[in-house]
Amino acid sequence: MDIMAAIFIALVLLGLIVMLLALQRFQPVSNLKAVVEKRITEIDTRTNMADYNSLRTALIDYDTLLDHVLKDKGIRGTNMGERLKSARSYFPHGLYNEIWEAHKMRNNLVHEATFTASVPALQRNREALKRAITQTSGVRKATRTA
């Protein structure tokens, strides 16, 4: 009987361990705020607000980061444009339009060899994406405007 009790207890404990591991695997572990804060700091630290190439890179990076945030929030879509359409209700009307303008500029910068933008336009669009990211991710305050 002692052996049977020990086997029973061992099986129960093994079952509990397996269940805990399975539950842990399916629990979403989102450290979105920490990831976003770190990326904003990285992007802003290396961005020279007067330099075209630096701003161009920052705009592209912020567009990518916003896409990451939208995916993390479960926004549907196979690409950033589709996710933005699905995320319409997440943003005030004015900011939503600014995000689209920034995303279109990003696409032009990446896909059109002869496309150039003014430094003020890059700055404005970079800021719009940054506001959208901080608002959607739950980050209270942008780390640095750069």
C-alpha atoms as a PDB file:
ATOM      1  CA  MET A   1       0.000   0.000   0.000  1.00  0.00           C
ATOM      2  CA  ASP A   2       2.815   2.422   0.744  1.00  0.00           C
ATOM      3  CA  ILE A   3       4.238   1.895  -2.734  1.00  0.00           C
ATOM      4  CA  MET A   4       0.809   2.444  -4.318  1.00  0.00           C
ATOM      5  CA  ALA A   5       0.330   5.680  -2.346  1.00  0.00           C
ATOM      6  CA  ALA A   6       3.774   6.919  -3.369  1.00  0.00           C
ATOM      7  CA  ILE A   7       3.096   6.120  -7.028  1.00  0.00           C
ATOM      8  CA  PHE A   8      -0.283   7.869  -6.835  1.00  0.00           C
ATOM      9  CA  ILE A   9       1.237  10.980  -5.233  1.00  0.00           C
ATOM     10  CA  ALA A  10       4.069  11.006  -7.793  1.00  0.00           C
ATOM     11  CA  LEU A  11       1.571  10.787 -10.667  1.00  0.00           C
ATOM     12  CA  VAL A  12      -0.563  13.585  -9.205  1.00  0.00           C
ATOM     13  CA  LEU A  13       2.498  15.802  -8.772  1.00  0.00           C
ATOM     14  CA  LEU A  14       3.691  15.002 -12.279  1.00  0.00           C
ATOM     15  CA  GLY A  15       0.236  15.861 -13.625  1.00  0.00           C
ATOM     16  CA  LEU A  16       0.237  19.193 -11.786  1.00  0.00           C
ATOM     17  CA  ILE A  17       3.686  20.053 -13.125  1.00  0.00           C
ATOM     18  CA  VAL A  18       2.624  19.247 -16.692  1.00  0.00           C
ATOM     19  CA  MET A  19      -0.531  21.365 -16.295  1.00  0.00           C
ATOM     20  CA  LEU A  20       1.425  24.320 -14.911  1.00  0.00           C
ATOM     21  CA  LEU A  21       3.916  24.166 -17.763  1.00  0.00           C
ATOM     22  CA  ALA A  22       1.103  23.986 -20.302  1.00  0.00           C
ATOM     23  CA  LEU A  23      -0.691  26.968 -18.760  1.00  0.00           C
ATOM     24  CA  GLN A  24       2.516  28.960 -18.657  1.00  0.00           C
ATOM     25  CA  ARG A  25       3.075  28.297 -22.337  1.00  0.00           C
ATOM     26  CA  PHE A  26      -0.303  29.730 -23.314  1.00  0.00           C
ATOM     27  CA  GLN A  27      -0.288  32.802 -21.105  1.00  0.00           C
ATOM     28  CA  PRO A  28       0.572  35.876 -23.118  1.00  0.00           C
ATOM     29  CA  VAL A  29       3.711  37.473 -21.792  1.00  0.00           C
ATOM     30  CA  SER A  30       3.694  40.984 -23.148  1.00  0.00           C
ATOM     31  CA  ASN A  31       6.284  43.419 -22.013  1.00  0.00           C
ATOM     32  CA  LEU A  32       5.184  45.832 -24.730  1.00  0.00           C
ATOM     33  CA  LYS A  33       5.709  48.965 -22.653  1.00  0.00           C
ATOM     34  CA  ALA A  34       9.281  48.035 -21.815  1.00  0.00           C
ATOM     35  CA  VAL A  35      10.088  47.117 -25.424  1.00  0.00           C
ATOM     36  CA  VAL A  36       8.550  50.338 -26.737  1.00  0.00           C
ATOM     37  CA  GLU A  37      10.278  52.539 -24.177  1.00  0.00           C
ATOM     38  CA  LYS A  38      13.632  50.920 -25.004  1.00  0.00           C
ATOM     39  CA  ARG A  39      13.152  51.306 -28.788  1.00  0.00           C
ATOM     40  CA  ILE A  40      12.005  54.936 -28.461  1.00  0.00           C
ATOM     41  CA  THR A  41      15.119  55.696 -26.420  1.00  0.00           C
ATOM     42  CA  GLU A  42      17.340  53.939 -28.964  1.00  0.00           C
ATOM     43  CA  ILE A  43      15.763  55.717 -31.924  1.00  0.00           C
ATOM     44  CA  ASP A  44      15.753  59.140 -30.286  1.00  0.00           C
ATOM     45  CA  THR A  45      19.314  58.814 -28.997  1.00  0.00           C
ATOM     46  CA  ARG A  46      20.711  58.290 -32.475  1.00  0.00           C
ATOM     47  CA  THR A  47      18.435  60.794 -34.253  1.00  0.00           C
ATOM     48  CA  ASN A  48      19.863  64.144 -35.260  1.00  0.00           C
ATOM     49  CA  MET A  49      16.762  66.273 -35.837  1.00  0.00           C
ATOM     50  CA  ALA A  50      18.552  68.442 -38.400  1.00  0.00           C
ATOM     51  CA  ASP A  51      19.984  65.586 -40.470  1.00  0.00           C
ATOM     52  CA  TYR A  52      17.949  64.236 -43.403  1.00  0.00           C
ATOM     53  CA  ASN A  53      19.314  60.678 -43.319  1.00  0.00           C
ATOM     54  CA  SER A  54      18.976  60.439 -39.557  1.00  0.00           C
ATOM     55  CA  LEU A  55      15.345  61.574 -39.699  1.00  0.00           C
ATOM     56  CA  ARG A  56      14.635  59.256 -42.631  1.00  0.00           C
ATOM     57  CA  THR A  57      15.917  56.296 -40.620  1.00  0.00           C
ATOM     58  CA  ALA A  58      13.969  57.375 -37.531  1.00  0.00           C
ATOM     59  CA  LEU A  59      10.739  57.655 -39.537  1.00  0.00           C
ATOM     60  CA  ILE A  60      11.210  54.152 -40.954  1.00  0.00           C
ATOM     61  CA  ASP A  61      12.037  52.780 -37.500  1.00  0.00           C
ATOM     62  CA  TYR A  62       8.987  54.412 -35.900  1.00  0.00           C
ATOM     63  CA  ASP A  63       6.744  53.042 -38.658  1.00  0.00           C
ATOM     64  CA  THR A  64       8.139  49.558 -37.958  1.00  0.00           C
ATOM     65  CA  LEU A  65       7.670  50.020 -34.213  1.00  0.00           C
ATOM     66  CA  LEU A  66       4.055  51.130 -34.663  1.00  0.00           C
ATOM     67  CA  ASP A  67       3.443  48.035 -36.763  1.00  0.00           C
ATOM     68  CA  HIS A  68       4.901  45.911 -33.939  1.00  0.00           C
ATOM     69  CA  VAL A  69       2.590  47.603 -31.413  1.00  0.00           C
ATOM     70  CA  LEU A  70      -0.465  47.057 -33.620  1.00  0.00           C
ATOM     71  CA  LYS A  71       0.416  43.382 -34.033  1.00  0.00           C
ATOM     72  CA  ASP A  72       0.903  43.031 -30.274  1.00  0.00           C
ATOM     73  CA  LYS A  73      -2.536  44.571 -29.735  1.00  0.00           C
ATOM     74  CA  GLY A  74      -4.038  41.932 -32.020  1.00  0.00           C
ATOM     75  CA  ILE A  75      -4.964  44.350 -34.812  1.00  0.00           C
ATOM     76  CA  ARG A  76      -5.852  42.358 -37.915  1.00  0.00           C
ATOM     77  CA  GLY A  77      -4.156  42.700 -41.254  1.00  0.00           C
ATOM     78  CA  THR A  78      -1.499  41.075 -43.375  1.00  0.00           C
ATOM     79  CA  ASN A  79       0.547  44.279 -43.667  1.00  0.00           C
ATOM     80  CA  MET A  80       0.890  47.655 -41.986  1.00  0.00           C
ATOM     81  CA  GLY A  81      -1.615  49.344 -44.304  1.00  0.00           C
ATOM     82  CA  GLU A  82      -4.308  46.788 -43.513  1.00  0.00           C
ATOM     83  CA  ARG A  83      -3.564  46.978 -39.798  1.00  0.00           C
ATOM     84  CA  LEU A  84      -3.847  50.778 -39.918  1.00  0.00           C
ATOM     85  CA  LYS A  85      -7.266  50.476 -41.545  1.00  0.00           C
ATOM     86  CA  SER A  86      -8.320  48.041 -38.827  1.00  0.00           C
ATOM     87  CA  ALA A  87      -6.942  50.335 -36.103  1.00  0.00           C
ATOM     88  CA  ARG A  88      -8.989  53.392 -37.118  1.00  0.00           C
ATOM     89  CA  SER A  89     -10.895  53.492 -33.819  1.00  0.00           C
ATOM     90  CA  TYR A  90      -7.689  53.517 -31.757  1.00  0.00           C
ATOM     91  CA  PHE A  91      -6.755  57.048 -32.777  1.00  0.00           C
ATOM     92  CA  PRO A  92      -8.363  60.488 -32.888  1.00  0.00           C
ATOM     93  CA  HIS A  93      -9.288  61.493 -36.447  1.00  0.00           C
ATOM     94  CA  GLY A  94      -6.478  64.047 -36.826  1.00  0.00           C
ATOM     95  CA  LEU A  95      -3.768  61.717 -35.540  1.00  0.00           C
ATOM     96  CA  TYR A  96      -5.062  58.870 -37.695  1.00  0.00           C
ATOM     97  CA  ASN A  97      -4.661  61.040 -40.811  1.00  0.00           C
ATOM     98  CA  GLU A  98      -1.163  62.058 -39.702  1.00  0.00           C
ATOM     99  CA  ILE A  99      -0.232  58.391 -39.229  1.00  0.00           C
ATOM    100  CA  TRP A 100      -1.387  57.607 -42.770  1.00  0.00           C
ATOM    101  CA  GLU A 101       0.612  60.544 -44.127  1.00  0.00           C
ATOM    102  CA  ALA A 102       3.695  59.308 -42.267  1.00  0.00           C
ATOM    103  CA  HIS A 103       3.206  55.727 -43.429  1.00  0.00           C
ATOM    104  CA  LYS A 104       2.807  56.846 -47.053  1.00  0.00           C
ATOM    105  CA  MET A 105       5.987  58.904 -46.723  1.00  0.00           C
ATOM    106  CA  ARG A 106       7.788  55.859 -45.312  1.00  0.00           C
ATOM    107  CA  ASN A 107       6.629  53.759 -48.264  1.00  0.00           C
ATOM    108  CA  ASN A 108       7.815  56.398 -50.719  1.00  0.00           C
ATOM    109  CA  LEU A 109      11.185  56.676 -48.972  1.00  0.00           C
ATOM    110  CA  VAL A 110      11.668  52.924 -49.083  1.00  0.00           C
ATOM    111  CA  HIS A 111      10.208  52.069 -52.488  1.00  0.00           C
ATOM    112  CA  GLU A 112      10.756  55.152 -54.684  1.00  0.00           C
ATOM    113  CA  ALA A 113      14.406  55.707 -55.583  1.00  0.00           C
ATOM    114  CA  THR A 114      13.945  59.384 -56.467  1.00  0.00           C
ATOM    115  CA  PHE A 115      11.630  60.361 -53.604  1.00  0.00           C
ATOM    116  CA  THR A 116      12.905  62.966 -51.158  1.00  0.00           C
ATOM    117  CA  ALA A 117      11.132  64.739 -48.335  1.00  0.00           C
ATOM    118  CA  SER A 118      11.878  67.980 -46.558  1.00  0.00           C
ATOM    119  CA  VAL A 119      13.443  67.890 -43.102  1.00  0.00           C
ATOM    120  CA  PRO A 120      10.353  69.571 -41.552  1.00  0.00           C
ATOM    121  CA  ALA A 121       8.073  66.964 -43.173  1.00  0.00           C
ATOM    122  CA  LEU A 122      10.263  64.148 -41.841  1.00  0.00           C
ATOM    123  CA  GLN A 123      10.217  65.728 -38.374  1.00  0.00           C
ATOM    124  CA  ARG A 124       6.436  66.164 -38.418  1.00  0.00           C
ATOM    125  CA  ASN A 125       5.761  62.622 -39.622  1.00  0.00           C
ATOM    126  CA  ARG A 126       8.260  61.127 -37.181  1.00  0.00           C
ATOM    127  CA  GLU A 127       6.487  62.892 -34.316  1.00  0.00           C
ATOM    128  CA  ALA A 128       3.066  61.668 -35.488  1.00  0.00           C
ATOM    129  CA  LEU A 129       4.262  58.066 -35.485  1.00  0.00           C
ATOM    130  CA  LYS A 130       5.873  58.516 -32.091  1.00  0.00           C
ATOM    131  CA  ARG A 131       2.624  59.923 -30.623  1.00  0.00           C
ATOM    132  CA  ALA A 132       0.671  57.018 -32.102  1.00  0.00           C
ATOM    133  CA  ILE A 133       3.120  54.526 -30.609  1.00  0.00           C
ATOM    134  CA  THR A 134       3.088  56.022 -27.130  1.00  0.00           C
ATOM    135  CA  GLN A 135      -0.700  56.341 -27.156  1.00  0.00           C
ATOM    136  CA  THR A 136      -1.343  52.797 -28.374  1.00  0.00           C
ATOM    137  CA  SER A 137       1.321  51.020 -26.327  1.00  0.00           C
ATOM    138  CA  GLY A 138       0.359  52.598 -23.036  1.00  0.00           C
ATOM    139  CA  VAL A 139       3.717  54.316 -22.589  1.00  0.00           C
ATOM    140  CA  ARG A 140       2.850  57.361 -20.530  1.00  0.00           C
ATOM    141  CA  LYS A 141       5.352  59.808 -21.870  1.00  0.00           C
ATOM    142  CA  ALA A 142       7.715  59.837 -24.781  1.00  0.00           C
ATOM    143  CA  THR A 143      11.230  59.498 -23.446  1.00  0.00           C
ATOM    144  CA  ARG A 144      12.823  62.327 -25.419  1.00  0.00           C
ATOM    145  CA  THR A 145      11.784  64.384 -28.380  1.00  0.00           C
ATOM    146  CA  ALA A 146      15.360  64.442 -29.727  1.00  0.00           C
END
